[in-house]
Full PDB file with SEQRES, HELIX, SHEET, SSBOND, CRYST1, ORIGX, SCALE, CONECT and MASTER records, all heavy atoms in Angstrom:
SEQRES   1 A   35  ARG ARG ALA ILE THR ASN TRP GLY ARG ASP SER LYS LEU          
SEQRES   2 A   35  LEU THR PHE GLU LYS LYS LEU LYS ASP GLY MET LEU ALA          
SEQRES   3 A   35  ASN GLY TYR SER SER GLU PHE SER GLU                          
HELIX    1 AA1 ARG A    2  THR A    5  1                                   4    
HELIX    2 AA2 LYS A   12  PHE A   16  5                                   5    
HELIX    3 AA3 GLU A   17  ALA A   26  1                                  10    
HELIX    4 AA4 SER A   31  SER A   34  1                                   4    
CRYST1    1.000    1.000    1.000  90.00  90.00  90.00 P 1           1          
ORIGX1      1.000000  0.000000  0.000000        0.00000                         
ORIGX2      0.000000  1.000000  0.000000        0.00000                         
ORIGX3      0.000000  0.000000  1.000000        0.00000                         
SCALE1      1.000000  0.000000  0.000000        0.00000                         
SCALE2      0.000000  1.000000  0.000000        0.00000                         
SCALE3      0.000000  0.000000  1.000000        0.00000                         
ATOM      1  N   ARG A   1       3.729  -5.137  11.046  1.00  0.00           N  
ATOM      2  CA  ARG A   1       5.141  -4.828  11.189  1.00  0.00           C  
ATOM      3  C   ARG A   1       5.836  -6.150  11.758  1.00  0.00           C  
ATOM      4  O   ARG A   1       6.875  -6.659  11.268  1.00  0.00           O  
ATOM      5  CB  ARG A   1       5.374  -3.753  12.016  1.00  0.00           C  
ATOM      6  CG  ARG A   1       6.895  -3.423  12.383  1.00  0.00           C  
ATOM      7  CD  ARG A   1       6.987  -2.495  13.431  1.00  0.00           C  
ATOM      8  NE  ARG A   1       6.531  -2.905  14.769  1.00  0.00           N  
ATOM      9  CZ  ARG A   1       6.996  -3.807  15.423  1.00  0.00           C  
ATOM     10  NH1 ARG A   1       8.206  -4.301  15.232  1.00  0.00           N  
ATOM     11  NH2 ARG A   1       6.402  -4.120  16.651  1.00  0.00           N  
ATOM     12  N   ARG A   2       5.142  -6.787  12.866  1.00  0.00           N  
ATOM     13  CA  ARG A   2       5.693  -7.901  13.389  1.00  0.00           C  
ATOM     14  C   ARG A   2       5.757  -9.182  12.430  1.00  0.00           C  
ATOM     15  O   ARG A   2       6.650  -9.877  12.401  1.00  0.00           O  
ATOM     16  CB  ARG A   2       4.905  -8.277  14.676  1.00  0.00           C  
ATOM     17  CG  ARG A   2       4.939  -7.318  15.822  1.00  0.00           C  
ATOM     18  CD  ARG A   2       4.586  -7.998  17.213  1.00  0.00           C  
ATOM     19  NE  ARG A   2       3.172  -8.258  17.159  1.00  0.00           N  
ATOM     20  CZ  ARG A   2       2.179  -7.428  17.419  1.00  0.00           C  
ATOM     21  NH1 ARG A   2       2.417  -6.109  17.771  1.00  0.00           N  
ATOM     22  NH2 ARG A   2       0.881  -7.870  17.378  1.00  0.00           N  
ATOM     23  N   ALA A   3       4.736  -9.184  11.678  1.00  0.00           N  
ATOM     24  CA  ALA A   3       4.596 -10.268  10.685  1.00  0.00           C  
ATOM     25  C   ALA A   3       5.615 -10.154   9.590  1.00  0.00           C  
ATOM     26  O   ALA A   3       6.258 -11.183   9.161  1.00  0.00           O  
ATOM     27  CB  ALA A   3       3.232 -10.289   9.922  1.00  0.00           C  
ATOM     28  N   ILE A   4       6.018  -8.981   9.158  1.00  0.00           N  
ATOM     29  CA  ILE A   4       7.094  -8.661   8.201  1.00  0.00           C  
ATOM     30  C   ILE A   4       8.318  -9.159   8.885  1.00  0.00           C  
ATOM     31  O   ILE A   4       9.150  -9.703   8.182  1.00  0.00           O  
ATOM     32  CB  ILE A   4       7.025  -7.189   7.851  1.00  0.00           C  
ATOM     33  CG1 ILE A   4       5.764  -6.751   6.869  1.00  0.00           C  
ATOM     34  CG2 ILE A   4       8.288  -6.798   7.164  1.00  0.00           C  
ATOM     35  CD1 ILE A   4       5.656  -5.409   6.573  1.00  0.00           C  
ATOM     36  N   THR A   5       8.522  -8.637  10.118  1.00  0.00           N  
ATOM     37  CA  THR A   5       9.832  -8.915  10.722  1.00  0.00           C  
ATOM     38  C   THR A   5      10.071 -10.464  10.892  1.00  0.00           C  
ATOM     39  O   THR A   5      11.165 -10.965  10.773  1.00  0.00           O  
ATOM     40  CB  THR A   5       9.880  -8.453  12.199  1.00  0.00           C  
ATOM     41  OG1 THR A   5       9.645  -6.937  12.061  1.00  0.00           O  
ATOM     42  CG2 THR A   5      11.138  -8.637  12.828  1.00  0.00           C  
ATOM     43  N   ASN A   6       8.958 -11.267  11.074  1.00  0.00           N  
ATOM     44  CA  ASN A   6       8.974 -12.767  11.239  1.00  0.00           C  
ATOM     45  C   ASN A   6       8.895 -13.481   9.955  1.00  0.00           C  
ATOM     46  O   ASN A   6       8.705 -14.724   9.913  1.00  0.00           O  
ATOM     47  CB  ASN A   6       7.995 -13.273  12.195  1.00  0.00           C  
ATOM     48  CG  ASN A   6       8.353 -12.684  13.649  1.00  0.00           C  
ATOM     49  OD1 ASN A   6       9.473 -12.574  14.021  1.00  0.00           O  
ATOM     50  ND2 ASN A   6       7.349 -12.357  14.448  1.00  0.00           N  
ATOM     51  N   TRP A   7       8.792 -12.819   8.758  1.00  0.00           N  
ATOM     52  CA  TRP A   7       8.552 -13.382   7.547  1.00  0.00           C  
ATOM     53  C   TRP A   7       9.580 -14.508   7.330  1.00  0.00           C  
ATOM     54  O   TRP A   7      10.810 -14.303   7.403  1.00  0.00           O  
ATOM     55  CB  TRP A   7       8.497 -12.445   6.464  1.00  0.00           C  
ATOM     56  CG  TRP A   7       8.409 -13.042   5.091  1.00  0.00           C  
ATOM     57  CD1 TRP A   7       9.320 -12.944   4.077  1.00  0.00           C  
ATOM     58  CD2 TRP A   7       7.314 -13.628   4.363  1.00  0.00           C  
ATOM     59  NE1 TRP A   7       8.960 -13.511   2.919  1.00  0.00           N  
ATOM     60  CE2 TRP A   7       7.715 -13.985   3.046  1.00  0.00           C  
ATOM     61  CE3 TRP A   7       6.027 -14.059   4.901  1.00  0.00           C  
ATOM     62  CZ2 TRP A   7       6.780 -14.741   2.155  1.00  0.00           C  
ATOM     63  CZ3 TRP A   7       5.267 -14.802   4.090  1.00  0.00           C  
ATOM     64  CH2 TRP A   7       5.572 -15.167   2.782  1.00  0.00           C  
ATOM     65  N   GLY A   8       9.247 -15.606   6.793  1.00  0.00           N  
ATOM     66  CA  GLY A   8      10.162 -16.746   6.643  1.00  0.00           C  
ATOM     67  C   GLY A   8      10.289 -17.718   7.802  1.00  0.00           C  
ATOM     68  O   GLY A   8      10.737 -18.828   7.700  1.00  0.00           O  
ATOM     69  N   ARG A   9       9.758 -17.218   8.963  1.00  0.00           N  
ATOM     70  CA  ARG A   9       9.746 -18.128  10.040  1.00  0.00           C  
ATOM     71  C   ARG A   9       8.478 -18.878  10.355  1.00  0.00           C  
ATOM     72  O   ARG A   9       8.346 -19.923  10.332  1.00  0.00           O  
ATOM     73  CB  ARG A   9      10.010 -17.274  11.416  1.00  0.00           C  
ATOM     74  CG  ARG A   9      11.401 -16.716  11.255  1.00  0.00           C  
ATOM     75  CD  ARG A   9      11.741 -15.727  12.512  1.00  0.00           C  
ATOM     76  NE  ARG A   9      12.745 -14.926  12.419  1.00  0.00           N  
ATOM     77  CZ  ARG A   9      13.143 -14.039  13.265  1.00  0.00           C  
ATOM     78  NH1 ARG A   9      12.410 -13.712  14.364  1.00  0.00           N  
ATOM     79  NH2 ARG A   9      14.185 -13.175  13.049  1.00  0.00           N  
ATOM     80  N   ASP A  10       7.336 -17.925  10.438  1.00  0.00           N  
ATOM     81  CA  ASP A  10       6.137 -18.561  10.637  1.00  0.00           C  
ATOM     82  C   ASP A  10       5.039 -18.145   9.500  1.00  0.00           C  
ATOM     83  O   ASP A  10       3.796 -18.496   9.547  1.00  0.00           O  
ATOM     84  CB  ASP A  10       5.454 -18.317  12.045  1.00  0.00           C  
ATOM     85  CG  ASP A  10       5.467 -16.645  12.319  1.00  0.00           C  
ATOM     86  OD1 ASP A  10       5.588 -15.945  11.283  1.00  0.00           O  
ATOM     87  OD2 ASP A  10       5.472 -16.374  13.526  1.00  0.00           O  
ATOM     88  N   SER A  11       5.531 -17.281   8.460  1.00  0.00           N  
ATOM     89  CA  SER A  11       4.717 -16.925   7.379  1.00  0.00           C  
ATOM     90  C   SER A  11       3.322 -16.270   7.786  1.00  0.00           C  
ATOM     91  O   SER A  11       2.363 -16.440   6.956  1.00  0.00           O  
ATOM     92  CB  SER A  11       4.467 -18.098   6.490  1.00  0.00           C  
ATOM     93  OG  SER A  11       5.617 -18.704   6.043  1.00  0.00           O  
ATOM     94  N   LYS A  12       3.264 -15.599   8.941  1.00  0.00           N  
ATOM     95  CA  LYS A  12       1.975 -14.920   9.181  1.00  0.00           C  
ATOM     96  C   LYS A  12       1.625 -13.740   8.248  1.00  0.00           C  
ATOM     97  O   LYS A  12       0.555 -13.189   8.322  1.00  0.00           O  
ATOM     98  CB  LYS A  12       2.074 -14.425  10.661  1.00  0.00           C  
ATOM     99  CG  LYS A  12       1.962 -15.519  11.745  1.00  0.00           C  
ATOM    100  CD  LYS A  12       2.035 -14.958  13.051  1.00  0.00           C  
ATOM    101  CE  LYS A  12       1.856 -16.113  14.121  1.00  0.00           C  
ATOM    102  NZ  LYS A  12       1.971 -15.524  15.550  1.00  0.00           N  
ATOM    103  N   LEU A  13       2.661 -13.329   7.572  1.00  0.00           N  
ATOM    104  CA  LEU A  13       2.473 -12.217   6.616  1.00  0.00           C  
ATOM    105  C   LEU A  13       1.358 -12.479   5.671  1.00  0.00           C  
ATOM    106  O   LEU A  13       0.575 -11.608   5.362  1.00  0.00           O  
ATOM    107  CB  LEU A  13       3.690 -11.853   5.951  1.00  0.00           C  
ATOM    108  CG  LEU A  13       3.767 -10.634   4.905  1.00  0.00           C  
ATOM    109  CD1 LEU A  13       3.254  -9.369   5.552  1.00  0.00           C  
ATOM    110  CD2 LEU A  13       5.102 -10.532   4.284  1.00  0.00           C  
ATOM    111  N   LEU A  14       1.258 -13.761   5.197  1.00  0.00           N  
ATOM    112  CA  LEU A  14       0.191 -14.090   4.286  1.00  0.00           C  
ATOM    113  C   LEU A  14      -1.160 -13.908   4.740  1.00  0.00           C  
ATOM    114  O   LEU A  14      -2.053 -13.868   4.021  1.00  0.00           O  
ATOM    115  CB  LEU A  14       0.569 -15.519   3.729  1.00  0.00           C  
ATOM    116  CG  LEU A  14       1.898 -15.727   3.012  1.00  0.00           C  
ATOM    117  CD1 LEU A  14       1.959 -17.183   2.444  1.00  0.00           C  
ATOM    118  CD2 LEU A  14       1.810 -14.906   1.757  1.00  0.00           C  
ATOM    119  N   THR A  15      -1.341 -14.031   6.136  1.00  0.00           N  
ATOM    120  CA  THR A  15      -2.740 -13.920   6.607  1.00  0.00           C  
ATOM    121  C   THR A  15      -3.174 -12.453   6.440  1.00  0.00           C  
ATOM    122  O   THR A  15      -4.478 -12.218   6.744  1.00  0.00           O  
ATOM    123  CB  THR A  15      -2.678 -14.178   8.156  1.00  0.00           C  
ATOM    124  OG1 THR A  15      -1.841 -13.338   8.778  1.00  0.00           O  
ATOM    125  CG2 THR A  15      -2.117 -15.675   8.295  1.00  0.00           C  
ATOM    126  N   PHE A  16      -2.324 -11.415   6.131  1.00  0.00           N  
ATOM    127  CA  PHE A  16      -2.808 -10.113   5.877  1.00  0.00           C  
ATOM    128  C   PHE A  16      -3.148  -9.830   4.433  1.00  0.00           C  
ATOM    129  O   PHE A  16      -3.656  -8.740   4.252  1.00  0.00           O  
ATOM    130  CB  PHE A  16      -1.644  -9.172   6.447  1.00  0.00           C  
ATOM    131  CG  PHE A  16      -1.505  -9.109   7.927  1.00  0.00           C  
ATOM    132  CD1 PHE A  16      -0.619  -9.942   8.543  1.00  0.00           C  
ATOM    133  CD2 PHE A  16      -2.155  -8.206   8.658  1.00  0.00           C  
ATOM    134  CE1 PHE A  16      -0.350  -9.972   9.941  1.00  0.00           C  
ATOM    135  CE2 PHE A  16      -2.095  -8.122  10.070  1.00  0.00           C  
ATOM    136  CZ  PHE A  16      -1.143  -9.002  10.626  1.00  0.00           C  
ATOM    137  N   GLU A  17      -2.940 -10.804   3.609  1.00  0.00           N  
ATOM    138  CA  GLU A  17      -3.134 -10.500   2.201  1.00  0.00           C  
ATOM    139  C   GLU A  17      -4.469 -10.089   1.880  1.00  0.00           C  
ATOM    140  O   GLU A  17      -4.766  -8.988   1.205  1.00  0.00           O  
ATOM    141  CB  GLU A  17      -2.669 -11.761   1.389  1.00  0.00           C  
ATOM    142  CG  GLU A  17      -2.858 -11.463  -0.174  1.00  0.00           C  
ATOM    143  CD  GLU A  17      -2.317 -12.630  -0.957  1.00  0.00           C  
ATOM    144  OE1 GLU A  17      -1.965 -13.746  -0.465  1.00  0.00           O  
ATOM    145  OE2 GLU A  17      -2.283 -12.521  -2.222  1.00  0.00           O  
ATOM    146  N   LYS A  18      -5.531 -10.826   2.289  1.00  0.00           N  
ATOM    147  CA  LYS A  18      -6.866 -10.476   1.984  1.00  0.00           C  
ATOM    148  C   LYS A  18      -7.329  -9.111   2.518  1.00  0.00           C  
ATOM    149  O   LYS A  18      -7.866  -8.318   1.769  1.00  0.00           O  
ATOM    150  CB  LYS A  18      -7.846 -11.550   2.432  1.00  0.00           C  
ATOM    151  CG  LYS A  18      -9.270 -11.282   2.028  1.00  0.00           C  
ATOM    152  CD  LYS A  18     -10.088 -12.713   2.439  1.00  0.00           C  
ATOM    153  CE  LYS A  18     -11.503 -12.547   1.766  1.00  0.00           C  
ATOM    154  NZ  LYS A  18     -12.148 -11.324   2.029  1.00  0.00           N  
ATOM    155  N   LYS A  19      -6.982  -9.002   3.859  1.00  0.00           N  
ATOM    156  CA  LYS A  19      -7.347  -7.625   4.424  1.00  0.00           C  
ATOM    157  C   LYS A  19      -6.650  -6.413   3.752  1.00  0.00           C  
ATOM    158  O   LYS A  19      -7.418  -5.420   3.475  1.00  0.00           O  
ATOM    159  CB  LYS A  19      -7.020  -7.613   5.885  1.00  0.00           C  
ATOM    160  CG  LYS A  19      -7.416  -6.449   6.816  1.00  0.00           C  
ATOM    161  CD  LYS A  19      -7.143  -6.460   8.161  1.00  0.00           C  
ATOM    162  CE  LYS A  19      -7.562  -5.264   8.866  1.00  0.00           C  
ATOM    163  NZ  LYS A  19      -9.004  -4.866   8.595  1.00  0.00           N  
ATOM    164  N   LEU A  20      -5.365  -6.659   3.409  1.00  0.00           N  
ATOM    165  CA  LEU A  20      -4.739  -5.508   2.683  1.00  0.00           C  
ATOM    166  C   LEU A  20      -5.378  -5.239   1.283  1.00  0.00           C  
ATOM    167  O   LEU A  20      -5.701  -4.126   1.100  1.00  0.00           O  
ATOM    168  CB  LEU A  20      -3.167  -5.836   2.575  1.00  0.00           C  
ATOM    169  CG  LEU A  20      -2.367  -5.590   3.715  1.00  0.00           C  
ATOM    170  CD1 LEU A  20      -1.049  -6.458   3.470  1.00  0.00           C  
ATOM    171  CD2 LEU A  20      -2.051  -4.135   3.838  1.00  0.00           C  
ATOM    172  N   LYS A  21      -5.517  -6.243   0.526  1.00  0.00           N  
ATOM    173  CA  LYS A  21      -6.038  -6.072  -0.756  1.00  0.00           C  
ATOM    174  C   LYS A  21      -7.580  -5.648  -0.595  1.00  0.00           C  
ATOM    175  O   LYS A  21      -7.950  -4.672  -1.582  1.00  0.00           O  
ATOM    176  CB  LYS A  21      -6.010  -7.413  -1.614  1.00  0.00           C  
ATOM    177  CG  LYS A  21      -4.573  -7.755  -1.967  1.00  0.00           C  
ATOM    178  CD  LYS A  21      -4.439  -8.964  -2.731  1.00  0.00           C  
ATOM    179  CE  LYS A  21      -2.990  -9.434  -3.178  1.00  0.00           C  
ATOM    180  NZ  LYS A  21      -2.977 -10.664  -3.892  1.00  0.00           N  
ATOM    181  N   ASP A  22      -8.334  -6.182   0.082  1.00  0.00           N  
ATOM    182  CA  ASP A  22      -9.767  -5.825   0.144  1.00  0.00           C  
ATOM    183  C   ASP A  22      -9.909  -4.340   0.646  1.00  0.00           C  
ATOM    184  O   ASP A  22     -10.834  -3.614   0.183  1.00  0.00           O  
ATOM    185  CB  ASP A  22     -10.558  -6.632   1.279  1.00  0.00           C  
ATOM    186  CG  ASP A  22     -10.835  -8.094   0.679  1.00  0.00           C  
ATOM    187  OD1 ASP A  22     -10.556  -8.241  -0.558  1.00  0.00           O  
ATOM    188  OD2 ASP A  22     -11.331  -8.963   1.448  1.00  0.00           O  
ATOM    189  N   GLY A  23      -9.017  -3.912   1.661  1.00  0.00           N  
ATOM    190  CA  GLY A  23      -9.041  -2.476   2.125  1.00  0.00           C  
ATOM    191  C   GLY A  23      -8.663  -1.610   1.060  1.00  0.00           C  
ATOM    192  O   GLY A  23      -9.287  -0.573   0.955  1.00  0.00           O  
ATOM    193  N   MET A  24      -7.758  -1.934   0.280  1.00  0.00           N  
ATOM    194  CA  MET A  24      -7.264  -0.946  -0.839  1.00  0.00           C  
ATOM    195  C   MET A  24      -8.430  -0.871  -1.922  1.00  0.00           C  
ATOM    196  O   MET A  24      -8.673   0.209  -2.466  1.00  0.00           O  
ATOM    197  CB  MET A  24      -5.933  -1.475  -1.504  1.00  0.00           C  
ATOM    198  CG  MET A  24      -4.772  -1.122  -0.602  1.00  0.00           C  
ATOM    199  SD  MET A  24      -3.246  -1.486  -1.381  1.00  0.00           S  
ATOM    200  CE  MET A  24      -3.041  -3.296  -0.837  1.00  0.00           C  
ATOM    201  N   LEU A  25      -9.025  -2.005  -2.234  1.00  0.00           N  
ATOM    202  CA  LEU A  25     -10.084  -1.994  -3.220  1.00  0.00           C  
ATOM    203  C   LEU A  25     -11.241  -1.205  -2.741  1.00  0.00           C  
ATOM    204  O   LEU A  25     -11.863  -0.472  -3.471  1.00  0.00           O  
ATOM    205  CB  LEU A  25     -10.576  -3.467  -3.577  1.00  0.00           C  
ATOM    206  CG  LEU A  25      -9.590  -4.257  -4.249  1.00  0.00           C  
ATOM    207  CD1 LEU A  25      -9.976  -5.642  -4.497  1.00  0.00           C  
ATOM    208  CD2 LEU A  25      -9.215  -3.730  -5.776  1.00  0.00           C  
ATOM    209  N   ALA A  26     -11.534  -1.373  -1.424  1.00  0.00           N  
ATOM    210  CA  ALA A  26     -12.627  -0.537  -0.834  1.00  0.00           C  
ATOM    211  C   ALA A  26     -12.397   0.957  -0.750  1.00  0.00           C  
ATOM    212  O   ALA A  26     -13.325   1.774  -0.720  1.00  0.00           O  
ATOM    213  CB  ALA A  26     -12.916  -1.186   0.556  1.00  0.00           C  
ATOM    214  N   ASN A  27     -11.144   1.197  -0.739  1.00  0.00           N  
ATOM    215  CA  ASN A  27     -10.742   2.708  -0.694  1.00  0.00           C  
ATOM    216  C   ASN A  27     -10.635   3.295  -2.149  1.00  0.00           C  
ATOM    217  O   ASN A  27     -10.045   4.386  -2.292  1.00  0.00           O  
ATOM    218  CB  ASN A  27      -9.514   2.909   0.089  1.00  0.00           C  
ATOM    219  CG  ASN A  27      -9.769   2.797   1.583  1.00  0.00           C  
ATOM    220  OD1 ASN A  27     -10.955   3.200   2.060  1.00  0.00           O  
ATOM    221  ND2 ASN A  27      -8.868   2.393   2.360  1.00  0.00           N  
ATOM    222  N   GLY A  28     -10.972   2.459  -3.153  1.00  0.00           N  
ATOM    223  CA  GLY A  28     -10.915   3.045  -4.539  1.00  0.00           C  
ATOM    224  C   GLY A  28      -9.550   2.736  -5.259  1.00  0.00           C  
ATOM    225  O   GLY A  28      -9.322   3.183  -6.470  1.00  0.00           O  
ATOM    226  N   TYR A  29      -8.635   1.940  -4.768  1.00  0.00           N  
ATOM    227  CA  TYR A  29      -7.485   1.644  -5.519  1.00  0.00           C  
ATOM    228  C   TYR A  29      -7.607   0.620  -6.513  1.00  0.00           C  
ATOM    229  O   TYR A  29      -8.564  -0.276  -6.260  1.00  0.00           O  
ATOM    230  CB  TYR A  29      -6.305   1.291  -4.529  1.00  0.00           C  
ATOM    231  CG  TYR A  29      -5.973   2.444  -3.616  1.00  0.00           C  
ATOM    232  CD1 TYR A  29      -6.480   2.608  -2.367  1.00  0.00           C  
ATOM    233  CD2 TYR A  29      -5.146   3.482  -4.202  1.00  0.00           C  
ATOM    234  CE1 TYR A  29      -6.120   3.760  -1.463  1.00  0.00           C  
ATOM    235  CE2 TYR A  29      -4.678   4.619  -3.253  1.00  0.00           C  
ATOM    236  CZ  TYR A  29      -5.237   4.667  -2.065  1.00  0.00           C  
ATOM    237  OH  TYR A  29      -4.830   5.824  -1.155  1.00  0.00           O  
ATOM    238  N   SER A  30      -7.000   0.375  -7.455  1.00  0.00           N  
ATOM    239  CA  SER A  30      -7.116  -0.631  -8.474  1.00  0.00           C  
ATOM    240  C   SER A  30      -6.564  -1.948  -7.965  1.00  0.00           C  
ATOM    241  O   SER A  30      -5.738  -1.952  -7.084  1.00  0.00           O  
ATOM    242  CB  SER A  30      -6.422  -0.338  -9.791  1.00  0.00           C  
ATOM    243  OG  SER A  30      -5.051  -0.206  -9.567  1.00  0.00           O  
ATOM    244  N   SER A  31      -7.053  -3.148  -8.503  1.00  0.00           N  
ATOM    245  CA  SER A  31      -6.520  -4.280  -8.213  1.00  0.00           C  
ATOM    246  C   SER A  31      -5.115  -4.473  -8.573  1.00  0.00           C  
ATOM    247  O   SER A  31      -4.266  -5.128  -7.776  1.00  0.00           O  
ATOM    248  CB  SER A  31      -7.281  -5.521  -8.906  1.00  0.00           C  
ATOM    249  OG  SER A  31      -7.257  -5.294 -10.315  1.00  0.00           O  
ATOM    250  N   GLU A  32      -4.582  -3.779  -9.571  1.00  0.00           N  
ATOM    251  CA  GLU A  32      -3.190  -3.745 -10.127  1.00  0.00           C  
ATOM    252  C   GLU A  32      -2.437  -3.145  -8.921  1.00  0.00           C  
ATOM    253  O   GLU A  32      -1.308  -3.713  -8.426  1.00  0.00           O  
ATOM    254  CB  GLU A  32      -3.026  -3.058 -11.404  1.00  0.00           C  
ATOM    255  CG  GLU A  32      -1.604  -3.042 -11.901  1.00  0.00           C  
ATOM    256  CD  GLU A  32      -1.365  -2.258 -13.230  1.00  0.00           C  
ATOM    257  OE1 GLU A  32      -2.422  -1.721 -13.590  1.00  0.00           O  
ATOM    258  OE2 GLU A  32      -0.371  -2.325 -13.650  1.00  0.00           O  
ATOM    259  N   PHE A  33      -2.844  -1.986  -8.484  1.00  0.00           N  
ATOM    260  CA  PHE A  33      -2.117  -1.303  -7.277  1.00  0.00           C  
ATOM    261  C   PHE A  33      -2.005  -2.187  -6.097  1.00  0.00           C  
ATOM    262  O   PHE A  33      -1.107  -2.285  -5.468  1.00  0.00           O  
ATOM    263  CB  PHE A  33      -2.863   0.041  -7.026  1.00  0.00           C  
ATOM    264  CG  PHE A  33      -2.081   0.923  -6.019  1.00  0.00           C  
ATOM    265  CD1 PHE A  33      -1.049   1.610  -6.274  1.00  0.00           C  
ATOM    266  CD2 PHE A  33      -2.622   0.764  -4.619  1.00  0.00           C  
ATOM    267  CE1 PHE A  33      -0.396   2.371  -5.270  1.00  0.00           C  
ATOM    268  CE2 PHE A  33      -1.906   1.449  -3.602  1.00  0.00           C  
ATOM    269  CZ  PHE A  33      -0.930   2.228  -3.946  1.00  0.00           C  
ATOM    270  N   SER A  34      -3.175  -2.807  -5.700  1.00  0.00           N  
ATOM    271  CA  SER A  34      -3.220  -3.523  -4.467  1.00  0.00           C  
ATOM    272  C   SER A  34      -2.230  -4.819  -4.702  1.00  0.00           C  
ATOM    273  O   SER A  34      -1.610  -5.207  -3.685  1.00  0.00           O  
ATOM    274  CB  SER A  34      -4.682  -4.086  -4.237  1.00  0.00           C  
ATOM    275  OG  SER A  34      -5.174  -4.943  -5.153  1.00  0.00           O  
ATOM    276  N   GLU A  35      -2.120  -5.433  -5.888  1.00  0.00           N  
ATOM    277  CA  GLU A  35      -1.347  -6.633  -6.030  1.00  0.00           C  
ATOM    278  C   GLU A  35       0.185  -6.101  -5.915  1.00  0.00           C  
ATOM    279  O   GLU A  35       1.057  -6.771  -5.307  1.00  0.00           O  
ATOM    280  CB  GLU A  35      -1.596  -7.210  -7.380  1.00  0.00           C  
ATOM    281  CG  GLU A  35      -2.800  -7.953  -7.476  1.00  0.00           C  
ATOM    282  CD  GLU A  35      -2.712  -9.338  -6.837  1.00  0.00           C  
ATOM    283  OE1 GLU A  35      -1.637  -9.796  -6.534  1.00  0.00           O  
ATOM    284  OE2 GLU A  35      -3.688 -10.056  -6.766  1.00  0.00           O  
TER     285      GLU A  35                                                      
MASTER        0    0    0    4    0    0    0    6  284    1    0    3          
END                                                                             
């Protein structure tokens, strides 16, 4: 949430990309859904 709020200032949101996508894939969601 804090990274989303600060998006465009320090771009920390991108550091969550791998964790988000890997977590969704591990829980059975498709790569299309995670993207």
